[in-house]
Structures are given as structure tokens and as C-alpha cells.
Amino acid sequence: MKLAGGSAVFTILSAQIEPLDLDRRSLKFAVRYLNAGRYPANFWSSSFRLIIDDVPRAPTNLLDEVVASESAKDGDVVFELPVSVKDVMLQIGSGDDSSRLPFKLP
């Protein structure tokens, strides 16, 4: 799944769920960031939120990379969520420049 905005293209390469304990699980997205711009750009966890019941949650890991112009890098974005959650939205970007992707969880 690809999202383009300005000179950035985000591709969701995979999504993986793993149990953490009886009440929580992790949801890890493998993401590719393509910087099609003329200048280096930040590829960081601050650009991602997981929306659960209209409440945004920040990633639990730190992704902080600089991507050179006309280059791409891959990284992981990890969230924790209750095991009872079945529907989430991955938000990439913020404000008017954001996109949301719905995901149904098993």
C-alpha cells in the first residue's frame, strides 16, 4: 500500500501482530520512505499515529532517520494496543498533509 504526499512516498511493506501479555499486543509496520525531493528529509516515528476509537497513539519505538534526496530507507513503526481492538487506522503525517489507512486486525 502506497501513500504519496509532496516529495515523499510511504509504502507499507508488511504488518505484524505479536502478543505482549494477556491484555496487550504489538502491531509492527514495516515502512519504506522514498524521498523524491531535492533535499534530505526526516523519516521518523513522529510522523505516525495509530488511531483507536478516535484516539491517536504514538509509536512505542523510536525511528529517527535522515533520507538523502532521491533515496529510500526502510524502518519499523511499532504500536502497543489492547487485545480487544479489532479496527485501527494508521495515520501518516499531520494536519492537512495526513493520510489514514484502515486496518482490520485478527
PDB file of N, CA and C in Angstrom:
ATOM      1  N   MET A   1       0.838  -1.155   0.000  1.00  0.00           N
ATOM      2  CA  MET A   1       0.000   0.000   0.000  1.00  0.00           C
ATOM      3  C   MET A   1       0.900   1.240   0.000  1.00  0.00           C
ATOM      4  N   LYS A   2       0.657   2.163  -0.914  1.00  0.00           N
ATOM      5  CA  LYS A   2       1.492   3.357  -1.039  1.00  0.00           C
ATOM      6  C   LYS A   2       0.687   4.612  -0.763  1.00  0.00           C
ATOM      7  N   LEU A   3       1.350   5.589  -0.148  1.00  0.00           N
ATOM      8  CA  LEU A   3       0.797   6.921   0.066  1.00  0.00           C
ATOM      9  C   LEU A   3       1.821   7.935  -0.405  1.00  0.00           C
ATOM     10  N   ALA A   4       1.379   8.895  -1.195  1.00  0.00           N
ATOM     11  CA  ALA A   4       2.288   9.926  -1.677  1.00  0.00           C
ATOM     12  C   ALA A   4       1.813  11.282  -1.178  1.00  0.00           C
ATOM     13  N   GLY A   5       2.750  12.118  -0.810  1.00  0.00           N
ATOM     14  CA  GLY A   5       2.432  13.468  -0.371  1.00  0.00           C
ATOM     15  C   GLY A   5       3.640  14.351  -0.598  1.00  0.00           C
ATOM     16  N   GLY A   6       3.502  15.343  -1.450  1.00  0.00           N
ATOM     17  CA  GLY A   6       4.650  16.191  -1.758  1.00  0.00           C
ATOM     18  C   GLY A   6       5.740  15.369  -2.410  1.00  0.00           C
ATOM     19  N   SER A   7       6.938  15.417  -1.852  1.00  0.00           N
ATOM     20  CA  SER A   7       8.056  14.662  -2.418  1.00  0.00           C
ATOM     21  C   SER A   7       8.289  13.348  -1.673  1.00  0.00           C
ATOM     22  N   ALA A   8       7.354  12.951  -0.806  1.00  0.00           N
ATOM     23  CA  ALA A   8       7.508  11.731  -0.013  1.00  0.00           C
ATOM     24  C   ALA A   8       6.527  10.660  -0.480  1.00  0.00           C
ATOM     25  N   VAL A   9       7.009   9.422  -0.517  1.00  0.00           N
ATOM     26  CA  VAL A   9       6.152   8.274  -0.801  1.00  0.00           C
ATOM     27  C   VAL A   9       6.385   7.246   0.293  1.00  0.00           C
ATOM     28  N   PHE A  10       5.326   6.899   1.019  1.00  0.00           N
ATOM     29  CA  PHE A  10       5.386   5.879   2.058  1.00  0.00           C
ATOM     30  C   PHE A  10       4.772   4.603   1.514  1.00  0.00           C
ATOM     31  N   THR A  11       5.460   3.492   1.695  1.00  0.00           N
ATOM     32  CA  THR A  11       4.942   2.192   1.301  1.00  0.00           C
ATOM     33  C   THR A  11       4.910   1.292   2.528  1.00  0.00           C
ATOM     34  N   ILE A  12       3.732   0.744   2.830  1.00  0.00           N
ATOM     35  CA  ILE A  12       3.614  -0.218   3.926  1.00  0.00           C
ATOM     36  C   ILE A  12       4.031  -1.568   3.358  1.00  0.00           C
ATOM     37  N   LEU A  13       5.161  -2.073   3.811  1.00  0.00           N
ATOM     38  CA  LEU A  13       5.694  -3.333   3.299  1.00  0.00           C
ATOM     39  C   LEU A  13       5.043  -4.535   3.966  1.00  0.00           C
ATOM     40  N   SER A  14       4.752  -4.412   5.273  1.00  0.00           N
ATOM     41  CA  SER A  14       4.102  -5.505   5.995  1.00  0.00           C
ATOM     42  C   SER A  14       3.568  -4.979   7.314  1.00  0.00           C
ATOM     43  N   ALA A  15       2.679  -5.785   7.909  1.00  0.00           N
ATOM     44  CA  ALA A  15       2.163  -5.509   9.243  1.00  0.00           C
ATOM     45  C   ALA A  15       2.193  -6.831  10.003  1.00  0.00           C
ATOM     46  N   GLN A  16       2.678  -6.772  11.246  1.00  0.00           N
ATOM     47  CA  GLN A  16       2.831  -7.993  12.038  1.00  0.00           C
ATOM     48  C   GLN A  16       2.319  -7.751  13.448  1.00  0.00           C
ATOM     49  N   ILE A  17       1.533  -8.707  13.959  1.00  0.00           N
ATOM     50  CA  ILE A  17       0.995  -8.626  15.309  1.00  0.00           C
ATOM     51  C   ILE A  17       1.689  -9.670  16.173  1.00  0.00           C
ATOM     52  N   GLU A  18       2.083  -9.253  17.389  1.00  0.00           N
ATOM     53  CA  GLU A  18       2.697 -10.178  18.338  1.00  0.00           C
ATOM     54  C   GLU A  18       2.114  -9.934  19.725  1.00  0.00           C
ATOM     55  N   PRO A  19       1.827 -10.996  20.480  1.00  0.00           N
ATOM     56  CA  PRO A  19       1.321 -10.803  21.844  1.00  0.00           C
ATOM     57  C   PRO A  19       2.423 -10.267  22.754  1.00  0.00           C
ATOM     58  N   LEU A  20       2.034  -9.377  23.667  1.00  0.00           N
ATOM     59  CA  LEU A  20       2.966  -8.872  24.680  1.00  0.00           C
ATOM     60  C   LEU A  20       2.665  -9.517  26.028  1.00  0.00           C
ATOM     61  N   ASP A  21       1.384  -9.565  26.368  1.00  0.00           N
ATOM     62  CA  ASP A  21       0.917 -10.244  27.575  1.00  0.00           C
ATOM     63  C   ASP A  21      -0.565 -10.559  27.358  1.00  0.00           C
ATOM     64  N   LEU A  22      -1.294 -10.887  28.410  1.00  0.00           N
ATOM     65  CA  LEU A  22      -2.701 -11.264  28.253  1.00  0.00           C
ATOM     66  C   LEU A  22      -3.586 -10.109  27.795  1.00  0.00           C
ATOM     67  N   ASP A  23      -3.187  -8.879  28.071  1.00  0.00           N
ATOM     68  CA  ASP A  23      -4.018  -7.724  27.770  1.00  0.00           C
ATOM     69  C   ASP A  23      -3.557  -6.890  26.578  1.00  0.00           C
ATOM     70  N   ARG A  24      -2.294  -7.064  26.187  1.00  0.00           N
ATOM     71  CA  ARG A  24      -1.732  -6.187  25.142  1.00  0.00           C
ATOM     72  C   ARG A  24      -1.047  -6.993  24.050  1.00  0.00           C
ATOM     73  N   ARG A  25      -0.975  -6.356  22.875  1.00  0.00           N
ATOM     74  CA  ARG A  25      -0.197  -6.913  21.768  1.00  0.00           C
ATOM     75  C   ARG A  25       0.482  -5.764  21.042  1.00  0.00           C
ATOM     76  N   SER A  26       1.477  -6.103  20.254  1.00  0.00           N
ATOM     77  CA  SER A  26       2.159  -5.075  19.470  1.00  0.00           C
ATOM     78  C   SER A  26       1.761  -5.221  18.010  1.00  0.00           C
ATOM     79  N   LEU A  27       1.726  -4.099  17.341  1.00  0.00           N
ATOM     80  CA  LEU A  27       1.455  -4.048  15.900  1.00  0.00           C
ATOM     81  C   LEU A  27       2.630  -3.329  15.263  1.00  0.00           C
ATOM     82  N   LYS A  28       3.381  -4.066  14.447  1.00  0.00           N
ATOM     83  CA  LYS A  28       4.587  -3.507  13.825  1.00  0.00           C
ATOM     84  C   LYS A  28       4.370  -3.357  12.327  1.00  0.00           C
ATOM     85  N   PHE A  29       4.565  -2.139  11.843  1.00  0.00           N
ATOM     86  CA  PHE A  29       4.505  -1.850  10.421  1.00  0.00           C
ATOM     87  C   PHE A  29       5.926  -1.700   9.890  1.00  0.00           C
ATOM     88  N   ALA A  30       6.255  -2.436   8.848  1.00  0.00           N
ATOM     89  CA  ALA A  30       7.500  -2.214   8.119  1.00  0.00           C
ATOM     90  C   ALA A  30       7.164  -1.209   7.017  1.00  0.00           C
ATOM     91  N   VAL A  31       7.868  -0.081   7.017  1.00  0.00           N
ATOM     92  CA  VAL A  31       7.547   1.036   6.126  1.00  0.00           C
ATOM     93  C   VAL A  31       8.778   1.419   5.312  1.00  0.00           C
ATOM     94  N   ARG A  32       8.546   1.717   4.044  1.00  0.00           N
ATOM     95  CA  ARG A  32       9.608   2.276   3.185  1.00  0.00           C
ATOM     96  C   ARG A  32       9.276   3.743   2.927  1.00  0.00           C
ATOM     97  N   TYR A  33      10.278   4.590   3.109  1.00  0.00           N
ATOM     98  CA  TYR A  33      10.133   6.022   2.845  1.00  0.00           C
ATOM     99  C   TYR A  33      10.990   6.364   1.639  1.00  0.00           C
ATOM    100  N   LEU A  34      10.361   6.866   0.596  1.00  0.00           N
ATOM    101  CA  LEU A  34      11.074   7.315  -0.605  1.00  0.00           C
ATOM    102  C   LEU A  34      11.049   8.835  -0.622  1.00  0.00           C
ATOM    103  N   ASN A  35      12.219   9.426  -0.583  1.00  0.00           N
ATOM    104  CA  ASN A  35      12.349  10.874  -0.651  1.00  0.00           C
ATOM    105  C   ASN A  35      12.642  11.249  -2.101  1.00  0.00           C
ATOM    106  N   ALA A  36      11.612  11.715  -2.792  1.00  0.00           N
ATOM    107  CA  ALA A  36      11.769  12.109  -4.199  1.00  0.00           C
ATOM    108  C   ALA A  36      12.134  13.581  -4.331  1.00  0.00           C
ATOM    109  N   GLY A  37      12.405  14.230  -3.207  1.00  0.00           N
ATOM    110  CA  GLY A  37      12.730  15.656  -3.214  1.00  0.00           C
ATOM    111  C   GLY A  37      14.201  15.932  -3.489  1.00  0.00           C
ATOM    112  N   ARG A  38      14.529  17.217  -3.499  1.00  0.00           N
ATOM    113  CA  ARG A  38      15.898  17.644  -3.796  1.00  0.00           C
ATOM    114  C   ARG A  38      16.773  17.754  -2.556  1.00  0.00           C
ATOM    115  N   TYR A  39      16.165  17.659  -1.367  1.00  0.00           N
ATOM    116  CA  TYR A  39      16.904  17.847  -0.124  1.00  0.00           C
ATOM    117  C   TYR A  39      16.690  16.645   0.796  1.00  0.00           C
ATOM    118  N   PRO A  40      17.609  16.412   1.745  1.00  0.00           N
ATOM    119  CA  PRO A  40      17.402  15.341   2.720  1.00  0.00           C
ATOM    120  C   PRO A  40      16.100  15.576   3.504  1.00  0.00           C
ATOM    121  N   ALA A  41      15.500  14.485   3.963  1.00  0.00           N
ATOM    122  CA  ALA A  41      14.229  14.586   4.697  1.00  0.00           C
ATOM    123  C   ALA A  41      14.239  13.631   5.889  1.00  0.00           C
ATOM    124  N   ASN A  42      13.453  13.958   6.906  1.00  0.00           N
ATOM    125  CA  ASN A  42      13.345  13.125   8.103  1.00  0.00           C
ATOM    126  C   ASN A  42      12.339  12.004   7.896  1.00  0.00           C
ATOM    127  N   PHE A  43      12.720  10.822   8.328  1.00  0.00           N
ATOM    128  CA  PHE A  43      11.860   9.638   8.362  1.00  0.00           C
ATOM    129  C   PHE A  43      11.834   9.229   9.820  1.00  0.00           C
ATOM    130  N   TRP A  44      10.752   9.591  10.527  1.00  0.00           N
ATOM    131  CA  TRP A  44      10.756   9.388  11.959  1.00  0.00           C
ATOM    132  C   TRP A  44       9.392   8.970  12.485  1.00  0.00           C
ATOM    133  N   SER A  45       9.431   8.423  13.688  1.00  0.00           N
ATOM    134  CA  SER A  45       8.204   7.911  14.305  1.00  0.00           C
ATOM    135  C   SER A  45       7.195   9.022  14.587  1.00  0.00           C
ATOM    136  N   SER A  46       7.641  10.264  14.685  1.00  0.00           N
ATOM    137  CA  SER A  46       6.720  11.382  14.932  1.00  0.00           C
ATOM    138  C   SER A  46       5.704  11.559  13.810  1.00  0.00           C
ATOM    139  N   SER A  47       5.960  10.982  12.649  1.00  0.00           N
ATOM    140  CA  SER A  47       5.048  11.104  11.509  1.00  0.00           C
ATOM    141  C   SER A  47       3.904  10.098  11.548  1.00  0.00           C
ATOM    142  N   PHE A  48       3.890   9.192  12.530  1.00  0.00           N
ATOM    143  CA  PHE A  48       2.923   8.103  12.558  1.00  0.00           C
ATOM    144  C   PHE A  48       2.101   8.125  13.845  1.00  0.00           C
ATOM    145  N   ARG A  49       0.815   7.821  13.702  1.00  0.00           N
ATOM    146  CA  ARG A  49      -0.080   7.636  14.840  1.00  0.00           C
ATOM    147  C   ARG A  49      -1.021   6.475  14.507  1.00  0.00           C
ATOM    148  N   LEU A  50      -1.375   5.724  15.530  1.00  0.00           N
ATOM    149  CA  LEU A  50      -2.361   4.674  15.386  1.00  0.00           C
ATOM    150  C   LEU A  50      -3.634   5.184  16.044  1.00  0.00           C
ATOM    151  N   ILE A  51      -4.711   5.269  15.273  1.00  0.00           N
ATOM    152  CA  ILE A  51      -5.974   5.796  15.770  1.00  0.00           C
ATOM    153  C   ILE A  51      -6.827   4.613  16.219  1.00  0.00           C
ATOM    154  N   ILE A  52      -7.169   4.607  17.521  1.00  0.00           N
ATOM    155  CA  ILE A  52      -8.015   3.572  18.112  1.00  0.00           C
ATOM    156  C   ILE A  52      -9.190   4.275  18.771  1.00  0.00           C
ATOM    157  N   ASP A  53     -10.397   4.005  18.295  1.00  0.00           N
ATOM    158  CA  ASP A  53     -11.602   4.650  18.840  1.00  0.00           C
ATOM    159  C   ASP A  53     -11.454   6.171  18.848  1.00  0.00           C
ATOM    160  N   ASP A  54     -10.975   6.724  17.754  1.00  0.00           N
ATOM    161  CA  ASP A  54     -10.774   8.168  17.567  1.00  0.00           C
ATOM    162  C   ASP A  54      -9.711   8.780  18.473  1.00  0.00           C
ATOM    163  N   VAL A  55      -8.896   7.945  19.113  1.00  0.00           N
ATOM    164  CA  VAL A  55      -7.823   8.436  19.978  1.00  0.00           C
ATOM    165  C   VAL A  55      -6.476   8.093  19.340  1.00  0.00           C
ATOM    166  N   PRO A  56      -5.639   9.110  19.040  1.00  0.00           N
ATOM    167  CA  PRO A  56      -4.333   8.836  18.447  1.00  0.00           C
ATOM    168  C   PRO A  56      -3.331   8.329  19.480  1.00  0.00           C
ATOM    169  N   ARG A  57      -2.544   7.329  19.080  1.00  0.00           N
ATOM    170  CA  ARG A  57      -1.487   6.781  19.945  1.00  0.00           C
ATOM    171  C   ARG A  57      -0.155   6.894  19.217  1.00  0.00           C
ATOM    172  N   ALA A  58       0.860   7.279  19.955  1.00  0.00           N
ATOM    173  CA  ALA A  58       2.207   7.409  19.389  1.00  0.00           C
ATOM    174  C   ALA A  58       2.876   6.035  19.341  1.00  0.00           C
ATOM    175  N   PRO A  59       3.836   5.869  18.440  1.00  0.00           N
ATOM    176  CA  PRO A  59       4.597   4.611  18.407  1.00  0.00           C
ATOM    177  C   PRO A  59       5.380   4.416  19.713  1.00  0.00           C
ATOM    178  N   THR A  60       5.658   3.156  20.011  1.00  0.00           N
ATOM    179  CA  THR A  60       6.417   2.840  21.214  1.00  0.00           C
ATOM    180  C   THR A  60       7.913   2.715  20.936  1.00  0.00           C
ATOM    181  N   ASN A  61       8.297   2.737  19.676  1.00  0.00           N
ATOM    182  CA  ASN A  61       9.716   2.690  19.334  1.00  0.00           C
ATOM    183  C   ASN A  61      10.148   4.038  18.762  1.00  0.00           C
ATOM    184  N   LEU A  62      11.445   4.230  18.664  1.00  0.00           N
ATOM    185  CA  LEU A  62      11.982   5.466  18.105  1.00  0.00           C
ATOM    186  C   LEU A  62      12.578   5.177  16.733  1.00  0.00           C
ATOM    187  N   LEU A  63      11.987   5.761  15.725  1.00  0.00           N
ATOM    188  CA  LEU A  63      12.521   5.730  14.366  1.00  0.00           C
ATOM    189  C   LEU A  63      12.970   7.149  14.073  1.00  0.00           C
ATOM    190  N   ASP A  64      14.241   7.341  13.741  1.00  0.00           N
ATOM    191  CA  ASP A  64      14.780   8.681  13.518  1.00  0.00           C
ATOM    192  C   ASP A  64      15.900   8.580  12.495  1.00  0.00           C
ATOM    193  N   GLU A  65      15.526   8.694  11.236  1.00  0.00           N
ATOM    194  CA  GLU A  65      16.478   8.567  10.127  1.00  0.00           C
ATOM    195  C   GLU A  65      16.422   9.806   9.240  1.00  0.00           C
ATOM    196  N   VAL A  66      17.520  10.104   8.589  1.00  0.00           N
ATOM    197  CA  VAL A  66      17.549  11.123   7.548  1.00  0.00           C
ATOM    198  C   VAL A  66      17.719  10.396   6.230  1.00  0.00           C
ATOM    199  N   VAL A  67      16.830  10.710   5.286  1.00  0.00           N
ATOM    200  CA  VAL A  67      16.862  10.059   3.982  1.00  0.00           C
ATOM    201  C   VAL A  67      17.365  11.071   2.960  1.00  0.00           C
ATOM    202  N   ALA A  68      18.444  10.724   2.289  1.00  0.00           N
ATOM    203  CA  ALA A  68      19.030  11.607   1.280  1.00  0.00           C
ATOM    204  C   ALA A  68      18.050  11.818   0.124  1.00  0.00           C
ATOM    205  N   SER A  69      18.249  12.882  -0.622  1.00  0.00           N
ATOM    206  CA  SER A  69      17.380  13.147  -1.770  1.00  0.00           C
ATOM    207  C   SER A  69      17.482  12.006  -2.778  1.00  0.00           C
ATOM    208  N   GLU A  70      16.351  11.741  -3.451  1.00  0.00           N
ATOM    209  CA  GLU A  70      16.280  10.688  -4.465  1.00  0.00           C
ATOM    210  C   GLU A  70      16.731   9.334  -3.905  1.00  0.00           C
ATOM    211  N   SER A  71      16.382   9.070  -2.642  1.00  0.00           N
ATOM    212  CA  SER A  71      16.777   7.825  -1.973  1.00  0.00           C
ATOM    213  C   SER A  71      15.620   7.275  -1.155  1.00  0.00           C
ATOM    214  N   ALA A  72      15.796   6.052  -0.686  1.00  0.00           N
ATOM    215  CA  ALA A  72      14.773   5.412   0.145  1.00  0.00           C
ATOM    216  C   ALA A  72      15.429   4.701   1.320  1.00  0.00           C
ATOM    217  N   LYS A  73      14.667   4.579   2.415  1.00  0.00           N
ATOM    218  CA  LYS A  73      15.087   3.799   3.576  1.00  0.00           C
ATOM    219  C   LYS A  73      13.873   3.052   4.101  1.00  0.00           C
ATOM    220  N   ASP A  74      14.140   1.901   4.718  1.00  0.00           N
ATOM    221  CA  ASP A  74      13.099   1.110   5.356  1.00  0.00           C
ATOM    222  C   ASP A  74      13.239   1.236   6.864  1.00  0.00           C
ATOM    223  N   GLY A  75      12.110   1.185   7.560  1.00  0.00           N
ATOM    224  CA  GLY A  75      12.122   1.236   9.010  1.00  0.00           C
ATOM    225  C   GLY A  75      10.861   0.628   9.578  1.00  0.00           C
ATOM    226  N   ASP A  76      10.882   0.353  10.878  1.00  0.00           N
ATOM    227  CA  ASP A  76       9.732  -0.220  11.572  1.00  0.00           C
ATOM    228  C   ASP A  76       9.089   0.831  12.462  1.00  0.00           C
ATOM    229  N   VAL A  77       7.760   0.782  12.517  1.00  0.00           N
ATOM    230  CA  VAL A  77       6.975   1.626  13.413  1.00  0.00           C
ATOM    231  C   VAL A  77       6.118   0.676  14.235  1.00  0.00           C
ATOM    232  N   VAL A  78       6.271   0.731  15.578  1.00  0.00           N
ATOM    233  CA  VAL A  78       5.641  -0.242  16.469  1.00  0.00           C
ATOM    234  C   VAL A  78       4.670   0.469  17.414  1.00  0.00           C
ATOM    235  N   PHE A  79       3.502  -0.145  17.587  1.00  0.00           N
ATOM    236  CA  PHE A  79       2.478   0.367  18.499  1.00  0.00           C
ATOM    237  C   PHE A  79       2.064  -0.741  19.453  1.00  0.00           C
ATOM    238  N   GLU A  80       1.632  -0.350  20.650  1.00  0.00           N
ATOM    239  CA  GLU A  80       1.010  -1.280  21.586  1.00  0.00           C
ATOM    240  C   GLU A  80      -0.483  -0.995  21.595  1.00  0.00           C
ATOM    241  N   LEU A  81      -1.291  -2.071  21.682  1.00  0.00           N
ATOM    242  CA  LEU A  81      -2.728  -1.902  21.719  1.00  0.00           C
ATOM    243  C   LEU A  81      -3.370  -3.034  22.507  1.00  0.00           C
ATOM    244  N   PRO A  82      -4.568  -2.791  23.034  1.00  0.00           N
ATOM    245  CA  PRO A  82      -5.268  -3.849  23.753  1.00  0.00           C
ATOM    246  C   PRO A  82      -5.630  -5.003  22.814  1.00  0.00           C
ATOM    247  N   VAL A  83      -5.676  -6.209  23.347  1.00  0.00           N
ATOM    248  CA  VAL A  83      -6.008  -7.369  22.516  1.00  0.00           C
ATOM    249  C   VAL A  83      -7.441  -7.306  22.008  1.00  0.00           C
ATOM    250  N   SER A  84      -8.307  -6.553  22.664  1.00  0.00           N
ATOM    251  CA  SER A  84      -9.712  -6.465  22.259  1.00  0.00           C
ATOM    252  C   SER A  84      -9.936  -5.612  21.008  1.00  0.00           C
ATOM    253  N   VAL A  85      -8.960  -4.809  20.627  1.00  0.00           N
ATOM    254  CA  VAL A  85      -9.118  -3.909  19.481  1.00  0.00           C
ATOM    255  C   VAL A  85      -9.097  -4.698  18.177  1.00  0.00           C
ATOM    256  N   LYS A  86     -10.082  -4.419  17.317  1.00  0.00           N
ATOM    257  CA  LYS A  86     -10.187  -5.125  16.036  1.00  0.00           C
ATOM    258  C   LYS A  86     -10.016  -4.204  14.825  1.00  0.00           C
ATOM    259  N   ASP A  87     -10.313  -2.909  14.987  1.00  0.00           N
ATOM    260  CA  ASP A  87     -10.213  -1.955  13.882  1.00  0.00           C
ATOM    261  C   ASP A  87      -9.340  -0.778  14.306  1.00  0.00           C
ATOM    262  N   VAL A  88      -8.358  -0.457  13.466  1.00  0.00           N
ATOM    263  CA  VAL A  88      -7.473   0.681  13.727  1.00  0.00           C
ATOM    264  C   VAL A  88      -7.265   1.448  12.437  1.00  0.00           C
ATOM    265  N   MET A  89      -6.752   2.664  12.586  1.00  0.00           N
ATOM    266  CA  MET A  89      -6.360   3.480  11.433  1.00  0.00           C
ATOM    267  C   MET A  89      -4.918   3.893  11.643  1.00  0.00           C
ATOM    268  N   LEU A  90      -4.101   3.710  10.638  1.00  0.00           N
ATOM    269  CA  LEU A  90      -2.734   4.207  10.677  1.00  0.00           C
ATOM    270  C   LEU A  90      -2.728   5.579  10.037  1.00  0.00           C
ATOM    271  N   GLN A  91      -2.323   6.584  10.816  1.00  0.00           N
ATOM    272  CA  GLN A  91      -2.217   7.945  10.292  1.00  0.00           C
ATOM    273  C   GLN A  91      -0.763   8.235   9.992  1.00  0.00           C
ATOM    274  N   ILE A  92      -0.524   8.732   8.786  1.00  0.00           N
ATOM    275  CA  ILE A  92       0.817   9.133   8.374  1.00  0.00           C
ATOM    276  C   ILE A  92       0.768  10.621   8.066  1.00  0.00           C
ATOM    277  N   GLY A  93       1.643  11.388   8.711  1.00  0.00           N
ATOM    278  CA  GLY A  93       1.646  12.834   8.553  1.00  0.00           C
ATOM    279  C   GLY A  93       0.747  13.480   9.587  1.00  0.00           C
ATOM    280  N   SER A  94       0.597  14.805   9.485  1.00  0.00           N
ATOM    281  CA  SER A  94      -0.257  15.522  10.431  1.00  0.00           C
ATOM    282  C   SER A  94      -0.994  16.646   9.718  1.00  0.00           C
ATOM    283  N   GLY A  95      -2.079  17.075  10.330  1.00  0.00           N
ATOM    284  CA  GLY A  95      -2.860  18.179   9.778  1.00  0.00           C
ATOM    285  C   GLY A  95      -3.422  17.858   8.406  1.00  0.00           C
ATOM    286  N   ASP A  96      -3.403  18.855   7.518  1.00  0.00           N
ATOM    287  CA  ASP A  96      -3.942  18.682   6.170  1.00  0.00           C
ATOM    288  C   ASP A  96      -3.104  17.746   5.314  1.00  0.00           C
ATOM    289  N   ASP A  97      -1.865  17.495   5.727  1.00  0.00           N
ATOM    290  CA  ASP A  97      -0.973  16.629   4.968  1.00  0.00           C
ATOM    291  C   ASP A  97      -1.010  15.180   5.444  1.00  0.00           C
ATOM    292  N   SER A  98      -2.025  14.811   6.221  1.00  0.00           N
ATOM    293  CA  SER A  98      -2.065  13.452   6.748  1.00  0.00           C
ATOM    294  C   SER A  98      -2.963  12.557   5.910  1.00  0.00           C
ATOM    295  N   SER A  99      -2.663  11.276   5.974  1.00  0.00           N
ATOM    296  CA  SER A  99      -3.482  10.244   5.337  1.00  0.00           C
ATOM    297  C   SER A  99      -3.753   9.177   6.365  1.00  0.00           C
ATOM    298  N   ARG A 100      -4.921   8.548   6.264  1.00  0.00           N
ATOM    299  CA  ARG A 100      -5.288   7.482   7.191  1.00  0.00           C
ATOM    300  C   ARG A 100      -5.618   6.209   6.415  1.00  0.00           C
ATOM    301  N   LEU A 101      -5.063   5.116   6.915  1.00  0.00           N
ATOM    302  CA  LEU A 101      -5.293   3.808   6.309  1.00  0.00           C
ATOM    303  C   LEU A 101      -5.983   2.903   7.322  1.00  0.00           C
ATOM    304  N   PRO A 102      -7.151   2.356   6.975  1.00  0.00           N
ATOM    305  CA  PRO A 102      -7.832   1.457   7.909  1.00  0.00           C
ATOM    306  C   PRO A 102      -7.234   0.046   7.870  1.00  0.00           C
ATOM    307  N   PHE A 103      -7.198  -0.599   9.035  1.00  0.00           N
ATOM    308  CA  PHE A 103      -6.727  -1.973   9.148  1.00  0.00           C
ATOM    309  C   PHE A 103      -7.690  -2.761  10.021  1.00  0.00           C
ATOM    310  N   LYS A 104      -8.059  -3.955   9.583  1.00  0.00           N
ATOM    311  CA  LYS A 104      -8.837  -4.891  10.393  1.00  0.00           C
ATOM    312  C   LYS A 104      -7.855  -5.886  10.980  1.00  0.00           C
ATOM    313  N   LEU A 105      -7.914  -6.063  12.290  1.00  0.00           N
ATOM    314  CA  LEU A 105      -6.991  -6.964  12.967  1.00  0.00           C
ATOM    315  C   LEU A 105      -7.667  -8.294  13.278  1.00  0.00           C
ATOM    316  N   PRO A 106      -6.899  -9.366  13.271  1.00  0.00           N
ATOM    317  CA  PRO A 106      -7.493 -10.671  13.581  1.00  0.00           C
ATOM    318  C   PRO A 106      -7.840 -10.791  15.057  1.00  0.00           C
TER     319      PRO A 106
END
